[in-house]
Amino acid sequence: MAFCGGMDTLRRYVIQRLVASGLTLLGVSCIVFVMVRLLPGDPARVIAGLLASEDEVSAVRRQLGLDRALYVQYGHFLVRAVRGDLGLSARTSEPVVREIMARLPATLKLALISTLLATCLGVVSGVVAATHLYSGFDYLVSLATLFGVSMPVYWLGLILIIVFAVQLNWLPAAGADEPGSFVLPSLTLASFSVALVARMTRSTMLEVLGQEFVRTARAKGLREYTVVYHHALRNALIPIITAVGLQFGALLGGAVLTETVFGWPGMGQLLVESIFARDYPMVQGIVLIFSALFILTNFLVDLSYVFIDPRIHYN
């Protein structure tokens, strides 16, 4: 009966989160719909060409539906979005969903590799720094995390290209045609996340290592490795996983600059191209997909708390 009650509670929580996620996406769609129309320039003029006549520009404007009232355009956009139709690209006349799906795997691969890299390096360095407090390695981790948080990703990407692609000729500078193409973009994208995860792991581990159950485990004569990784780290996972989940969502959006620097054929580069081309449907679709992925990531992270820590219950 307790198990059934727990499942009912979890089911109610899932339904509440789904409703909240839907409302959040609705708000995001409204904001991005208004924001793209505040961009300077006339998309009909951009698509028709600078030498096009006013009649040709007006025809393009009618074709895109830009001659209608804003609330009518937004209503049509919502109705199509609910059906999974994000419209046609004003730049290529191809379905927005098809173009996004063609670019999405490259962005997801880059974000996943960067997240795994940031998690492994960040957790290990944070744990070692916490267990060797005020040592040389601890100061080195603090300095490296400060460097990682402060470093602009586009500047770091350009430095890595100059050193490893131009000077040493070890790795490709752009593209995604070979396995080595992942190295420089992944390092660039993971630099900020490594620093954040390491700082979070260090501070959380310091708090947990000072608790009574850790002293009890040490008093029992358990090995230090068992105390640190099987007892302390397990109880420090909640904030660490939260940081990792938030960073994965942030990496999807942060990939815009990285993909532009490295010529990565993902959604970030497509978003930049669409903004310059005033491709309203494509910009709206990409931002909406980014938002949906970010919301889904946070939702999965919240659900994982129940399985990591049995003491957590959703009401």
Protein backbone atom coordinates (compact mmCIF):
# COMPACT_ATOMS: atom_id res chain seq x y z
CA MET A 1 0.00 0.00 0.00
CA ALA A 2 2.87 2.36 0.79
CA PHE A 3 4.39 1.57 -2.59
CA CYS A 4 1.08 2.33 -4.34
CA GLY A 5 0.76 5.56 -2.39
CA GLY A 6 4.30 6.52 -3.36
CA MET A 7 3.55 5.81 -7.02
CA ASP A 8 0.39 7.94 -6.86
CA THR A 9 2.37 10.80 -5.32
CA LEU A 10 5.05 10.50 -7.98
CA ARG A 11 2.38 10.39 -10.70
CA ARG A 12 0.79 13.59 -9.37
CA TYR A 13 4.19 15.23 -9.26
CA VAL A 14 4.91 14.22 -12.87
CA ILE A 15 1.55 15.60 -14.02
CA GLN A 16 2.16 18.89 -12.17
CA ARG A 17 5.60 19.22 -13.72
CA LEU A 18 4.25 18.50 -17.19
CA VAL A 19 1.62 21.21 -16.80
CA ALA A 20 4.22 23.65 -15.49
CA SER A 21 6.55 22.75 -18.35
CA GLY A 22 3.80 23.38 -20.87
CA LEU A 23 3.10 26.82 -19.38
CA THR A 24 6.82 27.59 -19.40
CA LEU A 25 7.10 26.67 -23.07
CA LEU A 26 4.06 28.82 -23.79
CA GLY A 27 5.75 31.78 -22.12
CA VAL A 28 9.00 31.12 -23.98
CA SER A 29 7.17 30.92 -27.31
CA CYS A 30 5.47 34.26 -26.62
CA ILE A 31 8.73 35.97 -25.65
CA VAL A 32 10.72 34.67 -28.62
CA PHE A 33 7.85 35.47 -30.99
CA VAL A 34 7.91 39.10 -29.89
CA MET A 35 11.72 39.34 -29.63
CA VAL A 36 12.46 38.17 -33.18
CA ARG A 37 10.06 40.78 -34.51
CA LEU A 38 11.94 43.50 -32.65
CA LEU A 39 15.08 42.72 -34.67
CA PRO A 40 15.99 45.58 -37.01
CA GLY A 41 15.38 45.06 -40.70
CA ASP A 42 12.56 43.70 -42.82
CA PRO A 43 12.78 39.92 -43.34
CA ALA A 44 10.66 40.21 -46.49
CA ARG A 45 13.18 42.64 -47.95
CA VAL A 46 16.10 40.40 -46.94
CA ILE A 47 14.50 37.34 -48.56
CA ALA A 48 13.29 39.13 -51.69
CA GLY A 49 16.64 40.87 -52.21
CA LEU A 50 17.78 44.46 -52.09
CA LEU A 51 16.94 45.02 -55.77
CA ALA A 52 13.40 43.63 -55.51
CA SER A 53 10.46 45.91 -56.17
CA GLU A 54 7.91 46.86 -53.54
CA ASP A 55 5.36 44.54 -55.14
CA GLU A 56 7.77 41.62 -54.86
CA VAL A 57 8.52 42.49 -51.24
CA SER A 58 4.80 42.70 -50.48
CA ALA A 59 4.26 39.30 -52.10
CA VAL A 60 6.96 37.78 -49.88
CA ARG A 61 5.43 39.46 -46.84
CA ARG A 62 2.01 37.96 -47.64
CA GLN A 63 3.60 34.56 -48.25
CA LEU A 64 5.24 34.65 -44.80
CA GLY A 65 2.06 35.92 -43.16
CA LEU A 66 3.81 39.07 -41.93
CA ASP A 67 0.99 41.29 -43.21
CA ARG A 68 -1.38 39.97 -40.53
CA ALA A 69 -1.82 41.24 -36.98
CA LEU A 70 0.72 39.96 -34.44
CA TYR A 71 -1.86 38.09 -32.36
CA VAL A 72 -3.12 36.32 -35.50
CA GLN A 73 0.44 35.31 -36.44
CA TYR A 74 1.08 34.06 -32.90
CA GLY A 75 -2.17 32.10 -32.84
CA HIS A 76 -1.31 30.35 -36.09
CA PHE A 77 2.17 29.63 -34.79
CA LEU A 78 0.80 28.00 -31.61
CA VAL A 79 -1.75 25.88 -33.48
CA ARG A 80 0.93 24.56 -35.82
CA ALA A 81 3.43 24.02 -32.98
CA VAL A 82 0.96 21.85 -31.05
CA ARG A 83 0.68 19.65 -34.15
CA GLY A 84 4.48 19.45 -34.38
CA ASP A 85 4.63 21.83 -37.34
CA LEU A 86 6.99 24.78 -36.80
CA GLY A 87 6.40 26.18 -40.25
CA LEU A 88 8.68 26.61 -43.24
CA SER A 89 12.07 28.26 -43.20
CA ALA A 90 11.88 31.68 -44.82
CA ARG A 91 15.44 31.21 -46.06
CA THR A 92 15.31 27.72 -47.59
CA SER A 93 11.53 27.03 -47.82
CA GLU A 94 12.20 23.69 -46.09
CA PRO A 95 10.22 22.52 -43.02
CA VAL A 96 11.77 23.94 -39.87
CA VAL A 97 11.41 20.62 -38.03
CA ARG A 98 13.32 18.77 -40.75
CA GLU A 99 16.24 21.22 -40.70
CA ILE A 100 16.38 21.19 -36.90
CA MET A 101 16.35 17.39 -36.75
CA ALA A 102 19.21 17.31 -39.25
CA ARG A 103 21.33 19.57 -37.01
CA LEU A 104 20.19 18.39 -33.57
CA PRO A 105 22.31 15.19 -33.36
CA ALA A 106 25.56 17.15 -33.84
CA THR A 107 24.64 19.57 -31.03
CA LEU A 108 23.54 16.77 -28.69
CA LYS A 109 26.75 14.80 -29.30
CA LEU A 110 28.87 17.85 -28.55
CA ALA A 111 26.87 18.71 -25.41
CA LEU A 112 26.92 15.10 -24.12
CA ILE A 113 30.68 14.69 -24.63
CA SER A 114 31.33 18.06 -22.98
CA THR A 115 29.05 17.17 -20.04
CA LEU A 116 30.75 13.79 -19.50
CA LEU A 117 34.16 15.46 -19.68
CA ALA A 118 33.11 18.19 -17.26
CA THR A 119 31.55 15.67 -14.85
CA CYS A 120 34.56 13.34 -14.73
CA LEU A 121 37.19 16.08 -14.41
CA GLY A 122 35.08 18.27 -12.13
CA VAL A 123 34.03 15.56 -9.65
CA VAL A 124 37.48 13.95 -9.39
CA SER A 125 39.33 17.25 -8.97
CA GLY A 126 36.72 18.53 -6.51
CA VAL A 127 36.93 15.39 -4.35
CA VAL A 128 40.74 15.39 -4.32
CA ALA A 129 40.80 19.10 -3.48
CA ALA A 130 38.35 18.58 -0.59
CA THR A 131 40.30 15.64 0.83
CA HIS A 132 43.62 17.53 0.53
CA LEU A 133 42.45 20.87 1.88
CA TYR A 134 44.91 23.79 1.56
CA SER A 135 47.39 21.61 -0.31
CA GLY A 136 49.12 22.58 -3.52
CA PHE A 137 46.54 20.65 -5.54
CA ASP A 138 43.70 22.43 -3.72
CA TYR A 139 45.15 25.83 -4.61
CA LEU A 140 45.74 24.66 -8.19
CA VAL A 141 42.09 23.56 -8.49
CA SER A 142 40.90 26.89 -7.09
CA LEU A 143 43.05 28.77 -9.59
CA ALA A 144 41.94 26.57 -12.50
CA THR A 145 38.25 26.96 -11.61
CA LEU A 146 38.63 30.73 -11.43
CA PHE A 147 40.28 30.62 -14.86
CA GLY A 148 37.53 28.39 -16.28
CA VAL A 149 34.67 30.51 -14.97
CA SER A 150 36.24 33.76 -16.19
CA MET A 151 37.38 32.60 -19.65
CA PRO A 152 35.08 33.52 -22.57
CA VAL A 153 34.43 30.37 -24.61
CA TYR A 154 34.95 32.06 -27.97
CA TRP A 155 38.37 33.41 -26.88
CA LEU A 156 39.43 30.01 -25.53
CA GLY A 157 38.25 28.36 -28.74
CA LEU A 158 40.34 30.70 -30.87
CA ILE A 159 43.42 30.09 -28.67
CA LEU A 160 43.00 26.32 -28.97
CA ILE A 161 42.65 26.60 -32.74
CA ILE A 162 45.82 28.70 -33.00
CA VAL A 163 47.86 26.34 -30.80
CA PHE A 164 46.63 22.85 -31.71
CA ALA A 165 45.34 23.33 -35.26
CA VAL A 166 47.54 26.07 -36.74
CA GLN A 167 50.85 25.85 -34.85
CA LEU A 168 51.05 22.15 -33.95
CA ASN A 169 48.70 20.83 -36.66
CA TRP A 170 47.52 18.07 -34.34
CA LEU A 171 43.77 18.54 -34.64
CA PRO A 172 41.32 19.92 -37.23
CA ALA A 173 40.27 23.52 -36.75
CA ALA A 174 36.67 23.14 -37.93
CA GLY A 175 34.05 20.69 -39.12
CA ALA A 176 32.82 17.37 -37.77
CA ASP A 177 34.13 14.95 -40.37
CA GLU A 178 36.55 12.97 -38.19
CA PRO A 179 36.78 11.84 -34.52
CA GLY A 180 39.46 14.43 -33.77
CA SER A 181 36.99 17.17 -34.66
CA PHE A 182 35.27 16.66 -31.28
CA VAL A 183 38.36 17.40 -29.18
CA LEU A 184 38.75 21.17 -29.42
CA PRO A 185 35.02 22.08 -29.36
CA SER A 186 34.42 19.70 -26.43
CA LEU A 187 37.30 21.16 -24.41
CA THR A 188 36.12 24.67 -25.16
CA LEU A 189 32.51 23.98 -24.27
CA ALA A 190 33.41 22.00 -21.12
CA SER A 191 35.83 24.59 -19.68
CA PHE A 192 33.18 26.56 -17.78
CA SER A 193 31.30 23.43 -16.65
CA VAL A 194 34.44 21.73 -15.32
CA ALA A 195 35.12 24.75 -13.14
CA LEU A 196 31.55 24.94 -11.85
CA VAL A 197 31.26 21.20 -11.09
CA ALA A 198 34.68 21.16 -9.38
CA ARG A 199 33.76 24.09 -7.13
CA MET A 200 30.39 22.57 -6.29
CA THR A 201 31.95 19.15 -5.55
CA ARG A 202 34.67 20.66 -3.34
CA SER A 203 32.27 22.76 -1.25
CA THR A 204 29.71 19.96 -0.90
CA MET A 205 32.34 17.38 0.01
CA LEU A 206 33.82 19.68 2.66
CA GLU A 207 30.38 19.97 4.23
CA VAL A 208 29.72 16.21 4.14
CA LEU A 209 33.20 15.20 5.37
CA GLY A 210 32.60 17.14 8.56
CA GLN A 211 29.40 15.29 9.44
CA GLU A 212 29.05 12.68 12.17
CA PHE A 213 28.48 9.63 9.98
CA VAL A 214 31.83 10.19 8.22
CA ARG A 215 33.66 10.31 11.55
CA THR A 216 31.82 7.15 12.57
CA ALA A 217 32.87 5.38 9.37
CA ARG A 218 36.49 6.34 9.98
CA ALA A 219 36.25 5.20 13.60
CA LYS A 220 35.16 1.77 12.36
CA GLY A 221 38.49 1.46 10.59
CA LEU A 222 37.17 1.67 7.04
CA ARG A 223 39.66 2.52 4.32
CA GLU A 224 39.84 6.22 3.38
CA TYR A 225 38.81 5.40 -0.19
CA THR A 226 35.63 3.71 1.06
CA VAL A 227 34.84 6.57 3.43
CA VAL A 228 35.31 9.24 0.77
CA TYR A 229 33.76 7.62 -2.31
CA HIS A 230 31.19 5.20 -0.85
CA HIS A 231 29.92 7.31 2.05
CA ALA A 232 30.77 10.98 1.64
CA LEU A 233 30.47 11.33 -2.14
CA ARG A 234 27.21 9.40 -2.24
CA ASN A 235 25.66 11.85 0.21
CA ALA A 236 27.04 14.81 -1.76
CA LEU A 237 25.57 13.71 -5.10
CA ILE A 238 22.32 15.72 -4.99
CA PRO A 239 23.84 19.21 -5.47
CA ILE A 240 26.48 17.81 -7.84
CA ILE A 241 23.87 16.17 -10.08
CA THR A 242 21.84 19.37 -9.98
CA ALA A 243 24.86 21.33 -11.19
CA VAL A 244 25.60 18.78 -13.91
CA GLY A 245 21.99 18.78 -15.13
CA LEU A 246 21.83 22.57 -15.26
CA GLN A 247 25.15 22.65 -17.09
CA PHE A 248 23.95 20.20 -19.74
CA GLY A 249 21.02 22.48 -20.47
CA ALA A 250 23.33 25.49 -20.47
CA LEU A 251 25.78 23.74 -22.81
CA LEU A 252 23.04 23.34 -25.40
CA GLY A 253 22.58 27.10 -25.46
CA GLY A 254 26.26 27.83 -24.95
CA ALA A 255 27.06 25.73 -28.01
CA VAL A 256 25.98 28.68 -30.17
CA LEU A 257 29.32 30.48 -29.75
CA THR A 258 31.38 27.29 -29.81
CA GLU A 259 29.72 25.97 -32.96
CA THR A 260 30.24 29.32 -34.66
CA VAL A 261 33.95 29.42 -33.78
CA PHE A 262 34.60 25.83 -34.91
CA GLY A 263 32.18 25.73 -37.83
CA TRP A 264 30.28 22.92 -36.11
CA PRO A 265 27.21 21.84 -38.13
CA GLY A 266 24.78 22.03 -35.22
CA MET A 267 21.76 24.00 -34.11
CA GLY A 268 23.85 26.82 -32.69
CA GLN A 269 25.38 27.66 -36.06
CA LEU A 270 21.95 27.31 -37.69
CA LEU A 271 20.53 29.77 -35.15
CA VAL A 272 23.18 32.38 -35.95
CA GLU A 273 22.62 31.98 -39.69
CA SER A 274 18.85 32.28 -39.21
CA ILE A 275 19.15 35.44 -37.10
CA PHE A 276 21.25 37.17 -39.75
CA ALA A 277 18.79 36.06 -42.44
CA ARG A 278 15.77 37.24 -40.38
CA ASP A 279 14.36 33.72 -40.65
CA TYR A 280 11.59 34.10 -38.05
CA PRO A 281 10.18 30.53 -38.19
CA MET A 282 13.64 28.96 -37.84
CA VAL A 283 14.67 31.18 -34.92
CA GLN A 284 11.39 30.51 -33.12
CA GLY A 285 11.69 26.76 -33.69
CA ILE A 286 15.31 26.51 -32.51
CA VAL A 287 14.72 28.52 -29.34
CA LEU A 288 11.61 26.47 -28.59
CA ILE A 289 13.54 23.19 -29.02
CA PHE A 290 16.40 24.48 -26.86
CA SER A 291 13.89 25.45 -24.14
CA ALA A 292 12.12 22.08 -24.33
CA LEU A 293 15.43 20.22 -23.96
CA PHE A 294 16.43 22.39 -21.00
CA ILE A 295 13.08 21.81 -19.27
CA LEU A 296 13.26 18.06 -19.96
CA THR A 297 16.78 17.88 -18.50
CA ASN A 298 15.71 19.63 -15.30
CA PHE A 299 12.68 17.36 -15.03
CA LEU A 300 14.82 14.21 -15.32
CA VAL A 301 17.30 15.56 -12.79
CA ASP A 302 14.49 16.18 -10.29
CA LEU A 303 13.16 12.65 -10.80
CA SER A 304 16.62 11.18 -10.23
CA TYR A 305 16.66 12.56 -6.66
CA VAL A 306 14.19 9.88 -5.55
CA PHE A 307 16.47 7.07 -6.74
CA ILE A 308 19.68 8.65 -5.40
CA ASP A 309 18.33 9.50 -1.94
CA PRO A 310 15.37 7.38 -0.65
CA ARG A 311 14.69 10.01 2.01
CA ILE A 312 13.37 12.39 -0.66
CA HIS A 313 9.62 12.23 -1.34
CA TYR A 314 7.44 14.35 -3.64
CA ASN A 315 4.20 15.58 -2.18
